N, C-alpha and C. Protein backbone atom coordinates (compact mmCIF):
# COMPACT_ATOMS: atom_id res chain seq x y z
N MET A 1 3.43 -7.70 3.54
CA MET A 1 4.25 -8.48 2.60
C MET A 1 4.85 -7.55 1.54
N ASP A 2 6.19 -7.64 1.36
CA ASP A 2 6.81 -6.74 0.40
C ASP A 2 6.50 -7.19 -1.02
N LYS A 3 6.84 -6.32 -1.98
CA LYS A 3 6.50 -6.55 -3.37
C LYS A 3 7.14 -7.81 -3.93
N ILE A 4 8.39 -8.10 -3.53
CA ILE A 4 9.09 -9.29 -4.04
C ILE A 4 8.40 -10.56 -3.57
N ASN A 5 8.05 -10.60 -2.27
CA ASN A 5 7.38 -11.79 -1.75
C ASN A 5 6.02 -11.98 -2.37
N MET A 6 5.30 -10.88 -2.62
CA MET A 6 4.00 -10.97 -3.26
C MET A 6 4.13 -11.54 -4.66
N THR A 7 5.16 -11.11 -5.39
CA THR A 7 5.40 -11.62 -6.74
C THR A 7 5.73 -13.11 -6.72
N GLN A 8 6.56 -13.52 -5.74
CA GLN A 8 6.93 -14.93 -5.63
C GLN A 8 5.70 -15.78 -5.31
N THR A 9 4.84 -15.28 -4.42
CA THR A 9 3.61 -16.00 -4.07
C THR A 9 2.71 -16.14 -5.28
N GLU A 10 2.59 -15.06 -6.05
CA GLU A 10 1.75 -15.09 -7.24
C GLU A 10 2.29 -16.08 -8.26
N ASP A 11 3.62 -16.11 -8.42
CA ASP A 11 4.23 -17.06 -9.36
C ASP A 11 3.95 -18.49 -8.95
N ARG A 12 4.01 -18.77 -7.64
CA ARG A 12 3.73 -20.14 -7.18
C ARG A 12 2.28 -20.51 -7.45
N ARG A 13 1.37 -19.57 -7.26
CA ARG A 13 -0.04 -19.84 -7.48
C ARG A 13 -0.32 -20.17 -8.94
N ARG A 14 0.46 -19.59 -9.85
CA ARG A 14 0.26 -19.84 -11.27
C ARG A 14 0.55 -21.30 -11.62
N PHE A 15 1.37 -21.96 -10.82
CA PHE A 15 1.77 -23.32 -11.16
C PHE A 15 1.05 -24.38 -10.31
N PHE A 16 0.10 -23.96 -9.46
CA PHE A 16 -0.74 -24.93 -8.78
C PHE A 16 -1.51 -25.71 -9.84
N ARG A 17 -1.56 -27.03 -9.70
CA ARG A 17 -2.26 -27.87 -10.66
C ARG A 17 -3.30 -28.71 -9.96
N ILE A 18 -4.42 -28.92 -10.62
CA ILE A 18 -5.47 -29.77 -10.06
C ILE A 18 -6.00 -30.69 -11.15
N ASP A 19 -6.56 -31.81 -10.72
CA ASP A 19 -7.33 -32.66 -11.62
C ASP A 19 -8.77 -32.20 -11.54
N ASP A 20 -9.37 -31.95 -12.69
CA ASP A 20 -10.71 -31.37 -12.69
C ASP A 20 -11.50 -31.90 -13.87
N GLU A 21 -12.77 -31.55 -13.90
CA GLU A 21 -13.67 -31.95 -14.97
C GLU A 21 -14.15 -30.68 -15.69
N VAL A 22 -13.92 -30.60 -17.00
CA VAL A 22 -14.33 -29.42 -17.76
C VAL A 22 -15.06 -29.87 -19.03
N ASN A 23 -15.83 -28.97 -19.57
CA ASN A 23 -16.42 -29.18 -20.89
C ASN A 23 -15.49 -28.48 -21.86
N LEU A 24 -14.90 -29.23 -22.76
CA LEU A 24 -13.78 -28.72 -23.56
C LEU A 24 -14.05 -28.82 -25.05
N PHE A 25 -13.73 -27.73 -25.76
CA PHE A 25 -13.73 -27.74 -27.22
C PHE A 25 -12.42 -27.11 -27.67
N TYR A 26 -11.78 -27.74 -28.66
CA TYR A 26 -10.56 -27.15 -29.20
C TYR A 26 -10.48 -27.46 -30.69
N LYS A 27 -9.73 -26.65 -31.39
CA LYS A 27 -9.47 -26.91 -32.81
C LYS A 27 -8.10 -26.38 -33.18
N LYS A 28 -7.45 -27.06 -34.14
CA LYS A 28 -6.15 -26.62 -34.61
C LYS A 28 -6.31 -25.35 -35.43
N ILE A 29 -5.38 -24.41 -35.26
CA ILE A 29 -5.43 -23.16 -36.00
C ILE A 29 -4.03 -22.83 -36.51
N ASP A 30 -4.00 -21.88 -37.41
CA ASP A 30 -2.72 -21.42 -37.96
C ASP A 30 -2.02 -20.53 -36.94
N GLU A 31 -0.70 -20.60 -36.92
CA GLU A 31 0.09 -19.82 -35.98
C GLU A 31 -0.17 -18.32 -36.12
N LYS A 32 -0.49 -17.88 -37.33
CA LYS A 32 -0.73 -16.45 -37.56
C LYS A 32 -1.87 -15.92 -36.71
N LEU A 33 -2.88 -16.75 -36.47
CA LEU A 33 -4.02 -16.32 -35.67
C LEU A 33 -3.63 -16.10 -34.22
N VAL A 34 -2.61 -16.83 -33.76
CA VAL A 34 -2.14 -16.66 -32.39
C VAL A 34 -1.35 -15.37 -32.26
N ILE A 35 -0.58 -15.06 -33.29
CA ILE A 35 0.24 -13.85 -33.29
C ILE A 35 -0.64 -12.60 -33.35
N GLU A 36 -1.81 -12.72 -33.99
CA GLU A 36 -2.72 -11.59 -34.13
C GLU A 36 -3.81 -11.71 -33.07
N PRO A 37 -3.64 -11.07 -31.89
CA PRO A 37 -4.57 -11.25 -30.78
C PRO A 37 -5.97 -10.71 -31.03
N HIS A 38 -6.18 -9.91 -32.08
CA HIS A 38 -7.52 -9.38 -32.34
C HIS A 38 -8.47 -10.47 -32.83
N HIS A 39 -7.93 -11.66 -33.08
CA HIS A 39 -8.79 -12.76 -33.53
C HIS A 39 -9.87 -13.06 -32.49
N LEU A 40 -9.55 -12.86 -31.19
CA LEU A 40 -10.54 -13.01 -30.14
C LEU A 40 -11.12 -11.64 -29.82
N SER A 41 -12.42 -11.53 -29.82
CA SER A 41 -13.09 -10.26 -29.62
C SER A 41 -12.70 -9.63 -28.28
N GLU A 42 -12.58 -8.31 -28.28
CA GLU A 42 -12.23 -7.59 -27.06
C GLU A 42 -13.48 -7.06 -26.35
N ASN A 43 -14.67 -7.37 -26.85
CA ASN A 43 -15.90 -6.93 -26.22
C ASN A 43 -15.95 -7.42 -24.78
N VAL A 44 -16.25 -6.51 -23.83
CA VAL A 44 -16.24 -6.88 -22.42
C VAL A 44 -17.29 -7.93 -22.11
N LEU A 45 -18.32 -8.04 -22.93
CA LEU A 45 -19.37 -9.03 -22.69
C LEU A 45 -19.24 -10.24 -23.60
N ASN A 46 -18.05 -10.46 -24.17
CA ASN A 46 -17.92 -11.65 -25.01
C ASN A 46 -17.84 -12.88 -24.13
N SER A 47 -17.82 -14.04 -24.76
CA SER A 47 -17.96 -15.29 -24.02
C SER A 47 -16.84 -15.52 -23.03
N CYS A 48 -15.62 -15.05 -23.33
CA CYS A 48 -14.51 -15.39 -22.45
C CYS A 48 -14.36 -14.41 -21.30
N SER A 49 -14.98 -13.23 -21.35
CA SER A 49 -14.80 -12.27 -20.27
C SER A 49 -16.09 -11.97 -19.52
N LEU A 50 -17.23 -12.48 -19.99
CA LEU A 50 -18.49 -12.23 -19.31
C LEU A 50 -18.44 -12.76 -17.88
N SER A 51 -17.92 -13.97 -17.72
CA SER A 51 -17.89 -14.57 -16.39
C SER A 51 -16.99 -13.78 -15.44
N THR A 52 -15.86 -13.27 -15.93
CA THR A 52 -14.96 -12.51 -15.07
C THR A 52 -15.55 -11.15 -14.75
N ALA A 53 -16.25 -10.53 -15.72
CA ALA A 53 -16.90 -9.25 -15.46
C ALA A 53 -17.98 -9.41 -14.40
N LEU A 54 -18.76 -10.48 -14.50
CA LEU A 54 -19.82 -10.74 -13.52
C LEU A 54 -19.22 -11.02 -12.14
N ALA A 55 -18.11 -11.73 -12.10
CA ALA A 55 -17.47 -12.03 -10.82
C ALA A 55 -17.01 -10.76 -10.12
N ALA A 56 -16.48 -9.81 -10.90
CA ALA A 56 -16.03 -8.54 -10.32
C ALA A 56 -17.21 -7.75 -9.77
N VAL A 57 -18.32 -7.72 -10.52
CA VAL A 57 -19.51 -7.00 -10.07
C VAL A 57 -20.09 -7.66 -8.83
N SER A 58 -20.07 -8.99 -8.80
CA SER A 58 -20.62 -9.73 -7.65
C SER A 58 -19.84 -9.41 -6.38
N GLN A 59 -18.53 -9.26 -6.50
CA GLN A 59 -17.72 -8.93 -5.33
C GLN A 59 -18.11 -7.56 -4.77
N GLU A 60 -18.35 -6.60 -5.67
CA GLU A 60 -18.76 -5.27 -5.23
C GLU A 60 -20.15 -5.30 -4.60
N SER A 61 -21.09 -6.02 -5.23
CA SER A 61 -22.45 -6.06 -4.72
C SER A 61 -22.54 -6.80 -3.40
N ALA A 62 -21.66 -7.76 -3.17
CA ALA A 62 -21.68 -8.53 -1.92
C ALA A 62 -21.43 -7.62 -0.72
N VAL A 63 -20.53 -6.66 -0.89
CA VAL A 63 -20.24 -5.70 0.19
C VAL A 63 -21.46 -4.85 0.49
N LEU A 64 -22.13 -4.37 -0.57
CA LEU A 64 -23.32 -3.53 -0.39
C LEU A 64 -24.47 -4.33 0.22
N LEU A 65 -24.63 -5.59 -0.21
CA LEU A 65 -25.68 -6.43 0.34
C LEU A 65 -25.47 -6.68 1.84
N HIS A 66 -24.21 -6.86 2.21
CA HIS A 66 -23.90 -7.09 3.62
C HIS A 66 -24.32 -5.89 4.47
N ARG A 67 -24.11 -4.68 3.95
CA ARG A 67 -24.53 -3.49 4.68
C ARG A 67 -26.05 -3.37 4.71
N LEU A 68 -26.67 -3.70 3.57
CA LEU A 68 -28.10 -3.52 3.44
C LEU A 68 -28.91 -4.49 4.30
N GLU A 69 -28.43 -5.72 4.46
CA GLU A 69 -29.22 -6.73 5.16
C GLU A 69 -29.40 -6.43 6.64
N LYS A 70 -28.58 -5.56 7.18
CA LYS A 70 -28.74 -5.19 8.59
C LYS A 70 -30.00 -4.35 8.81
N ASN A 71 -30.26 -3.43 7.86
CA ASN A 71 -31.40 -2.53 8.01
C ASN A 71 -32.60 -2.94 7.16
N GLU A 72 -32.34 -3.56 6.01
CA GLU A 72 -33.42 -3.96 5.09
C GLU A 72 -33.23 -5.40 4.63
N PRO A 73 -33.42 -6.36 5.52
CA PRO A 73 -33.16 -7.77 5.17
C PRO A 73 -34.04 -8.28 4.04
N ASP A 74 -35.30 -7.82 3.97
CA ASP A 74 -36.19 -8.27 2.89
C ASP A 74 -35.70 -7.78 1.54
N VAL A 75 -35.25 -6.53 1.50
CA VAL A 75 -34.71 -5.97 0.26
C VAL A 75 -33.45 -6.72 -0.15
N ALA A 76 -32.61 -7.05 0.82
CA ALA A 76 -31.37 -7.78 0.53
C ALA A 76 -31.69 -9.17 -0.04
N ASP A 77 -32.67 -9.85 0.53
CA ASP A 77 -33.07 -11.16 0.02
C ASP A 77 -33.60 -11.06 -1.41
N TYR A 78 -34.38 -10.02 -1.68
CA TYR A 78 -34.91 -9.83 -3.03
C TYR A 78 -33.78 -9.60 -4.03
N LEU A 79 -32.81 -8.80 -3.65
CA LEU A 79 -31.69 -8.52 -4.55
C LEU A 79 -30.85 -9.77 -4.80
N ARG A 80 -30.77 -10.65 -3.82
CA ARG A 80 -30.05 -11.91 -4.03
C ARG A 80 -30.77 -12.78 -5.05
N ILE A 81 -32.11 -12.76 -5.00
CA ILE A 81 -32.88 -13.52 -5.98
C ILE A 81 -32.65 -12.96 -7.38
N ILE A 82 -32.64 -11.64 -7.50
CA ILE A 82 -32.37 -10.99 -8.80
C ILE A 82 -30.97 -11.36 -9.29
N ASP A 83 -30.01 -11.37 -8.36
CA ASP A 83 -28.63 -11.73 -8.72
C ASP A 83 -28.56 -13.16 -9.24
N THR A 84 -29.31 -14.07 -8.63
CA THR A 84 -29.34 -15.45 -9.08
C THR A 84 -29.93 -15.56 -10.48
N LYS A 85 -30.99 -14.80 -10.74
CA LYS A 85 -31.60 -14.80 -12.07
C LYS A 85 -30.60 -14.31 -13.13
N ILE A 86 -29.88 -13.25 -12.79
CA ILE A 86 -28.89 -12.70 -13.73
C ILE A 86 -27.80 -13.73 -14.00
N GLU A 87 -27.38 -14.44 -12.95
CA GLU A 87 -26.33 -15.45 -13.12
C GLU A 87 -26.80 -16.58 -14.03
N LEU A 88 -28.06 -17.00 -13.88
CA LEU A 88 -28.60 -18.06 -14.73
C LEU A 88 -28.68 -17.61 -16.19
N LEU A 89 -29.10 -16.36 -16.39
CA LEU A 89 -29.15 -15.81 -17.75
C LEU A 89 -27.75 -15.72 -18.36
N ALA A 90 -26.79 -15.31 -17.54
CA ALA A 90 -25.41 -15.20 -18.02
C ALA A 90 -24.87 -16.56 -18.44
N GLN A 91 -25.19 -17.60 -17.67
CA GLN A 91 -24.75 -18.95 -18.03
C GLN A 91 -25.34 -19.37 -19.37
N ALA A 92 -26.62 -19.02 -19.60
CA ALA A 92 -27.25 -19.37 -20.87
C ALA A 92 -26.59 -18.63 -22.02
N VAL A 93 -26.25 -17.35 -21.81
CA VAL A 93 -25.60 -16.56 -22.85
C VAL A 93 -24.23 -17.13 -23.18
N MET A 94 -23.49 -17.51 -22.13
CA MET A 94 -22.14 -18.04 -22.35
C MET A 94 -22.15 -19.35 -23.12
N MET A 95 -23.22 -20.12 -22.93
CA MET A 95 -23.29 -21.41 -23.61
C MET A 95 -23.68 -21.28 -25.07
N GLN A 96 -24.35 -20.18 -25.44
CA GLN A 96 -24.78 -20.00 -26.82
C GLN A 96 -23.56 -19.78 -27.72
N GLY A 97 -23.59 -20.39 -28.88
CA GLY A 97 -22.52 -20.19 -29.84
C GLY A 97 -21.31 -21.05 -29.62
N PHE A 98 -21.31 -21.85 -28.53
CA PHE A 98 -20.19 -22.74 -28.27
C PHE A 98 -20.56 -24.15 -28.67
N GLN A 99 -19.57 -24.92 -29.00
CA GLN A 99 -19.81 -26.31 -29.36
C GLN A 99 -19.68 -27.22 -28.14
N PHE A 100 -20.13 -26.68 -26.98
CA PHE A 100 -20.19 -27.50 -25.79
C PHE A 100 -21.43 -28.39 -25.87
N LYS A 101 -21.35 -29.55 -25.32
CA LYS A 101 -22.48 -30.46 -25.27
C LYS A 101 -22.82 -30.75 -23.81
N GLU A 102 -24.10 -30.64 -23.49
CA GLU A 102 -24.53 -30.86 -22.12
C GLU A 102 -24.13 -32.27 -21.67
N ASN A 103 -23.61 -32.33 -20.43
CA ASN A 103 -23.22 -33.60 -19.80
C ASN A 103 -22.05 -34.28 -20.50
N GLU A 104 -21.37 -33.60 -21.39
CA GLU A 104 -20.18 -34.19 -22.03
C GLU A 104 -18.95 -33.47 -21.51
N THR A 105 -18.27 -34.08 -20.56
CA THR A 105 -17.12 -33.46 -19.93
C THR A 105 -15.91 -34.37 -20.08
N CYS A 106 -14.74 -33.82 -19.81
CA CYS A 106 -13.52 -34.64 -19.84
C CYS A 106 -12.66 -34.27 -18.64
N ASN A 107 -11.85 -35.22 -18.22
CA ASN A 107 -10.94 -35.00 -17.10
C ASN A 107 -9.66 -34.33 -17.61
N VAL A 108 -9.24 -33.30 -16.91
CA VAL A 108 -8.02 -32.59 -17.28
C VAL A 108 -7.18 -32.36 -16.04
N ASN A 109 -5.91 -32.14 -16.27
CA ASN A 109 -5.01 -31.65 -15.23
C ASN A 109 -4.68 -30.22 -15.64
N ILE A 110 -5.07 -29.26 -14.80
CA ILE A 110 -5.04 -27.87 -15.25
C ILE A 110 -4.39 -26.95 -14.23
N SER A 111 -3.71 -25.93 -14.76
CA SER A 111 -3.16 -24.85 -13.94
C SER A 111 -3.44 -23.55 -14.68
N ALA A 112 -2.95 -22.45 -14.14
CA ALA A 112 -3.16 -21.16 -14.80
C ALA A 112 -2.29 -21.00 -16.04
N THR A 113 -1.33 -21.91 -16.24
CA THR A 113 -0.41 -21.79 -17.38
C THR A 113 -0.63 -22.83 -18.46
N GLY A 114 -1.42 -23.88 -18.16
CA GLY A 114 -1.63 -24.90 -19.18
C GLY A 114 -2.47 -26.05 -18.65
N MET A 115 -2.64 -27.06 -19.48
CA MET A 115 -3.41 -28.23 -19.06
C MET A 115 -2.99 -29.45 -19.88
N ALA A 116 -3.40 -30.62 -19.39
CA ALA A 116 -3.15 -31.89 -20.08
C ALA A 116 -4.44 -32.69 -20.07
N PHE A 117 -4.69 -33.41 -21.17
CA PHE A 117 -5.94 -34.18 -21.26
C PHE A 117 -5.81 -35.25 -22.33
N ASN A 118 -6.68 -36.24 -22.26
CA ASN A 118 -6.75 -37.30 -23.27
C ASN A 118 -7.58 -36.81 -24.45
N CYS A 119 -7.20 -37.18 -25.66
CA CYS A 119 -7.95 -36.75 -26.83
C CYS A 119 -7.99 -37.85 -27.89
N GLU A 120 -8.88 -37.68 -28.85
CA GLU A 120 -9.06 -38.66 -29.91
C GLU A 120 -7.94 -38.63 -30.93
N GLU A 121 -7.62 -37.42 -31.40
CA GLU A 121 -6.67 -37.29 -32.50
C GLU A 121 -5.25 -37.08 -32.00
N ARG A 122 -4.31 -37.51 -32.81
CA ARG A 122 -2.92 -37.27 -32.48
C ARG A 122 -2.56 -35.84 -32.89
N LEU A 123 -1.96 -35.11 -31.98
CA LEU A 123 -1.48 -33.76 -32.26
C LEU A 123 0.03 -33.75 -32.18
N GLU A 124 0.64 -32.82 -32.90
CA GLU A 124 2.09 -32.74 -32.94
C GLU A 124 2.60 -31.63 -32.02
N GLU A 125 3.76 -31.85 -31.46
CA GLU A 125 4.40 -30.81 -30.66
C GLU A 125 4.57 -29.56 -31.53
N GLY A 126 4.13 -28.43 -31.02
CA GLY A 126 4.21 -27.18 -31.78
C GLY A 126 2.90 -26.79 -32.44
N ASP A 127 1.91 -27.71 -32.46
CA ASP A 127 0.60 -27.35 -33.01
C ASP A 127 -0.04 -26.27 -32.14
N TYR A 128 -0.78 -25.37 -32.80
CA TYR A 128 -1.49 -24.31 -32.08
C TYR A 128 -2.98 -24.61 -32.07
N LEU A 129 -3.61 -24.32 -30.93
CA LEU A 129 -5.02 -24.61 -30.75
C LEU A 129 -5.79 -23.38 -30.29
N GLU A 130 -7.03 -23.30 -30.72
CA GLU A 130 -7.97 -22.38 -30.09
C GLU A 130 -8.77 -23.21 -29.10
N ILE A 131 -8.82 -22.76 -27.86
CA ILE A 131 -9.41 -23.55 -26.78
C ILE A 131 -10.59 -22.80 -26.16
N LYS A 132 -11.68 -23.53 -26.01
CA LYS A 132 -12.85 -23.01 -25.29
C LYS A 132 -13.19 -24.03 -24.22
N MET A 133 -13.22 -23.58 -22.97
CA MET A 133 -13.53 -24.53 -21.91
C MET A 133 -14.49 -23.93 -20.90
N LEU A 134 -15.37 -24.79 -20.45
CA LEU A 134 -16.34 -24.44 -19.42
C LEU A 134 -15.92 -25.14 -18.14
N LEU A 135 -15.60 -24.34 -17.12
CA LEU A 135 -15.27 -24.89 -15.81
C LEU A 135 -16.58 -25.28 -15.15
N VAL A 136 -16.87 -26.56 -15.16
CA VAL A 136 -18.20 -27.05 -14.83
C VAL A 136 -18.67 -26.62 -13.45
N SER A 137 -17.81 -26.73 -12.45
CA SER A 137 -18.24 -26.45 -11.08
C SER A 137 -18.53 -24.98 -10.83
N SER A 138 -17.98 -24.08 -11.66
CA SER A 138 -18.24 -22.66 -11.47
C SER A 138 -18.99 -22.03 -12.64
N MET A 139 -19.23 -22.82 -13.71
CA MET A 139 -19.92 -22.34 -14.91
C MET A 139 -19.23 -21.13 -15.52
N ALA A 140 -17.91 -21.07 -15.40
CA ALA A 140 -17.14 -19.99 -16.01
C ALA A 140 -16.57 -20.48 -17.34
N VAL A 141 -16.61 -19.61 -18.35
CA VAL A 141 -16.11 -19.96 -19.68
C VAL A 141 -14.83 -19.19 -19.96
N ILE A 142 -13.83 -19.88 -20.46
CA ILE A 142 -12.57 -19.25 -20.84
C ILE A 142 -12.25 -19.61 -22.28
N VAL A 143 -11.88 -18.60 -23.06
CA VAL A 143 -11.47 -18.80 -24.44
C VAL A 143 -10.03 -18.30 -24.57
N THR A 144 -9.16 -19.15 -25.07
CA THR A 144 -7.76 -18.75 -25.18
C THR A 144 -7.08 -19.56 -26.27
N TYR A 145 -5.79 -19.38 -26.44
CA TYR A 145 -4.99 -20.17 -27.35
C TYR A 145 -4.09 -21.10 -26.56
N GLY A 146 -3.59 -22.13 -27.23
CA GLY A 146 -2.65 -23.03 -26.60
C GLY A 146 -1.64 -23.56 -27.60
N ARG A 147 -0.50 -23.96 -27.10
CA ARG A 147 0.54 -24.59 -27.94
C ARG A 147 0.83 -25.97 -27.37
N VAL A 148 0.77 -26.98 -28.22
CA VAL A 148 1.01 -28.36 -27.79
C VAL A 148 2.50 -28.52 -27.46
N VAL A 149 2.78 -28.99 -26.25
CA VAL A 149 4.18 -29.18 -25.83
C VAL A 149 4.56 -30.66 -25.82
N TYR A 150 3.57 -31.55 -25.81
CA TYR A 150 3.86 -32.98 -25.97
C TYR A 150 2.58 -33.72 -26.34
N CYS A 151 2.75 -34.85 -26.99
CA CYS A 151 1.65 -35.76 -27.31
C CYS A 151 2.20 -37.17 -27.17
N ARG A 152 1.63 -37.92 -26.23
CA ARG A 152 2.12 -39.28 -25.98
C ARG A 152 0.94 -40.25 -25.86
N LYS A 153 1.25 -41.51 -25.83
CA LYS A 153 0.20 -42.51 -25.70
C LYS A 153 -0.43 -42.41 -24.31
N SER A 154 -1.75 -42.43 -24.29
CA SER A 154 -2.47 -42.34 -23.02
C SER A 154 -2.31 -43.62 -22.21
N GLU A 155 -2.20 -43.48 -20.90
CA GLU A 155 -2.08 -44.63 -20.01
C GLU A 155 -3.44 -45.13 -19.56
N SER A 156 -4.51 -44.42 -19.96
CA SER A 156 -5.86 -44.84 -19.56
C SER A 156 -6.35 -45.96 -20.46
N ASP A 157 -7.46 -46.55 -20.07
CA ASP A 157 -8.06 -47.65 -20.84
C ASP A 157 -9.11 -47.15 -21.83
N ASP A 158 -9.18 -45.84 -22.02
CA ASP A 158 -10.17 -45.26 -22.90
C ASP A 158 -9.69 -45.36 -24.35
N SER A 159 -10.23 -46.32 -25.10
CA SER A 159 -9.78 -46.55 -26.47
C SER A 159 -10.21 -45.42 -27.42
N GLN A 160 -11.23 -44.65 -27.02
CA GLN A 160 -11.70 -43.55 -27.88
C GLN A 160 -10.80 -42.33 -27.75
N HIS A 161 -10.01 -42.28 -26.71
CA HIS A 161 -9.10 -41.14 -26.50
C HIS A 161 -7.70 -41.68 -26.21
N PRO A 162 -7.02 -42.20 -27.23
CA PRO A 162 -5.75 -42.90 -27.03
C PRO A 162 -4.54 -41.98 -26.83
N HIS A 163 -4.73 -40.67 -27.03
CA HIS A 163 -3.59 -39.75 -26.94
C HIS A 163 -3.71 -38.85 -25.72
N PHE A 164 -2.56 -38.55 -25.11
CA PHE A 164 -2.50 -37.67 -23.95
C PHE A 164 -1.62 -36.49 -24.32
N ILE A 165 -2.20 -35.29 -24.31
CA ILE A 165 -1.44 -34.12 -24.77
C ILE A 165 -1.32 -33.08 -23.66
N GLY A 166 -0.23 -32.33 -23.72
CA GLY A 166 0.00 -31.22 -22.82
C GLY A 166 0.01 -29.93 -23.60
N VAL A 167 -0.64 -28.90 -23.07
CA VAL A 167 -0.79 -27.63 -23.78
C VAL A 167 -0.42 -26.49 -22.86
N ASN A 168 0.37 -25.55 -23.36
CA ASN A 168 0.63 -24.30 -22.65
C ASN A 168 -0.30 -23.22 -23.19
N PHE A 169 -0.96 -22.47 -22.28
CA PHE A 169 -1.84 -21.40 -22.72
C PHE A 169 -1.03 -20.23 -23.28
N ILE A 170 -1.59 -19.60 -24.31
CA ILE A 170 -0.95 -18.46 -24.97
C ILE A 170 -1.96 -17.33 -25.11
N ASN A 171 -1.52 -16.10 -24.86
CA ASN A 171 -2.35 -14.91 -25.05
C ASN A 171 -3.66 -14.95 -24.25
N MET A 172 -3.64 -15.60 -23.10
CA MET A 172 -4.83 -15.58 -22.24
C MET A 172 -4.97 -14.19 -21.63
N LYS A 173 -6.18 -13.67 -21.59
CA LYS A 173 -6.41 -12.36 -21.00
C LYS A 173 -6.03 -12.38 -19.52
N ASP A 174 -5.53 -11.25 -19.03
CA ASP A 174 -5.10 -11.16 -17.64
C ASP A 174 -6.24 -11.47 -16.68
N GLU A 175 -7.44 -10.95 -16.98
CA GLU A 175 -8.56 -11.17 -16.07
C GLU A 175 -8.99 -12.64 -16.06
N ASP A 176 -8.87 -13.30 -17.21
CA ASP A 176 -9.21 -14.73 -17.26
C ASP A 176 -8.15 -15.57 -16.54
N ARG A 177 -6.89 -15.19 -16.68
CA ARG A 177 -5.83 -15.92 -15.99
C ARG A 177 -5.98 -15.77 -14.47
N GLU A 178 -6.30 -14.55 -14.04
CA GLU A 178 -6.49 -14.32 -12.61
C GLU A 178 -7.67 -15.14 -12.09
N MET A 179 -8.75 -15.20 -12.88
CA MET A 179 -9.90 -16.00 -12.49
C MET A 179 -9.52 -17.48 -12.40
N LEU A 180 -8.71 -17.95 -13.36
CA LEU A 180 -8.30 -19.35 -13.37
C LEU A 180 -7.38 -19.66 -12.19
N ILE A 181 -6.50 -18.73 -11.85
CA ILE A 181 -5.63 -18.91 -10.68
C ILE A 181 -6.48 -19.08 -9.43
N LYS A 182 -7.45 -18.18 -9.24
CA LYS A 182 -8.30 -18.26 -8.05
C LYS A 182 -9.11 -19.55 -8.05
N TYR A 183 -9.58 -19.94 -9.22
CA TYR A 183 -10.38 -21.16 -9.33
C TYR A 183 -9.55 -22.38 -8.93
N VAL A 184 -8.32 -22.46 -9.45
CA VAL A 184 -7.45 -23.62 -9.18
C VAL A 184 -7.09 -23.67 -7.70
N VAL A 185 -6.74 -22.52 -7.12
CA VAL A 185 -6.36 -22.47 -5.71
C VAL A 185 -7.53 -22.89 -4.83
N LYS A 186 -8.72 -22.35 -5.12
CA LYS A 186 -9.91 -22.68 -4.34
C LYS A 186 -10.25 -24.16 -4.45
N LYS A 187 -10.16 -24.68 -5.68
CA LYS A 187 -10.46 -26.10 -5.90
C LYS A 187 -9.45 -26.98 -5.17
N GLN A 188 -8.19 -26.57 -5.21
CA GLN A 188 -7.15 -27.35 -4.55
C GLN A 188 -7.38 -27.38 -3.04
N LEU A 189 -7.75 -26.25 -2.45
CA LEU A 189 -8.02 -26.18 -1.01
C LEU A 189 -9.19 -27.09 -0.65
N HIS A 190 -10.24 -27.11 -1.50
CA HIS A 190 -11.39 -27.98 -1.25
C HIS A 190 -10.98 -29.45 -1.31
N GLN A 191 -10.13 -29.79 -2.29
CA GLN A 191 -9.69 -31.18 -2.43
C GLN A 191 -8.86 -31.61 -1.22
N ILE A 192 -7.99 -30.73 -0.73
CA ILE A 192 -7.18 -31.03 0.44
C ILE A 192 -8.08 -31.22 1.66
N ARG A 193 -9.08 -30.32 1.81
CA ARG A 193 -10.00 -30.42 2.94
C ARG A 193 -10.79 -31.73 2.89
N ASP A 194 -11.26 -32.09 1.68
CA ASP A 194 -12.04 -33.34 1.53
C ASP A 194 -11.19 -34.55 1.89
N LYS A 195 -9.90 -34.55 1.47
CA LYS A 195 -9.03 -35.67 1.79
C LYS A 195 -8.81 -35.79 3.29
N LYS A 196 -8.66 -34.63 3.97
CA LYS A 196 -8.46 -34.65 5.42
C LYS A 196 -9.69 -35.19 6.13
N GLN A 197 -10.87 -34.75 5.65
CA GLN A 197 -12.11 -35.20 6.27
C GLN A 197 -12.29 -36.70 6.07
N ALA A 198 -11.96 -37.19 4.85
CA ALA A 198 -12.06 -38.62 4.57
C ALA A 198 -11.10 -39.42 5.44
N GLY A 199 -9.89 -38.85 5.64
CA GLY A 199 -8.89 -39.51 6.49
C GLY A 199 -9.33 -39.58 7.94
N ASN A 200 -9.97 -38.52 8.43
CA ASN A 200 -10.45 -38.49 9.81
C ASN A 200 -11.57 -39.51 10.04
N LYS A 201 -12.42 -39.70 9.01
CA LYS A 201 -13.53 -40.64 9.13
C LYS A 201 -13.03 -42.08 9.17
N SER A 202 -11.95 -42.33 8.39
CA SER A 202 -11.42 -43.69 8.34
C SER A 202 -10.57 -44.00 9.59
């Protein structure tokens, strides 16, 4: 595939959208904080990049484990157990310091470039937000900024969340955006497969 086609494919992947369930925290912030990207820590082990760093390491270790299990299957099994322990600890670390609440999730429509969701308060077009979200099915945490592009009356029957807002992500780290792209594409493929299987059963 030539470079132009690869770029076009990547652009299409950025706009794949799915309906999903996330644990979401957001707050209004001043525009100046968005312009100054140092507001979010650049530490490789901070909350928004820990999950992506672990994912990269897991991909490398998976190749080594595949080679190892042929000659030392017991050692490979032990290393998988260690890897699971590390993943559980990482999830606990990512949850610390966040205002996420266990079992409190919301439905969103999300892509690599933005998302839409129902909320309690009315927000104005042009408002800037700091966003922290936990992708529940993968336990990945992303911290980024967003700009409200619309706020309208929700069509749902949820009286506690009467507003429906759309947000474009701003200053998202490249590694987090790439992780979100892969997450959305994978989730979309699973949803398509589930619909086909349900259709075949009926």
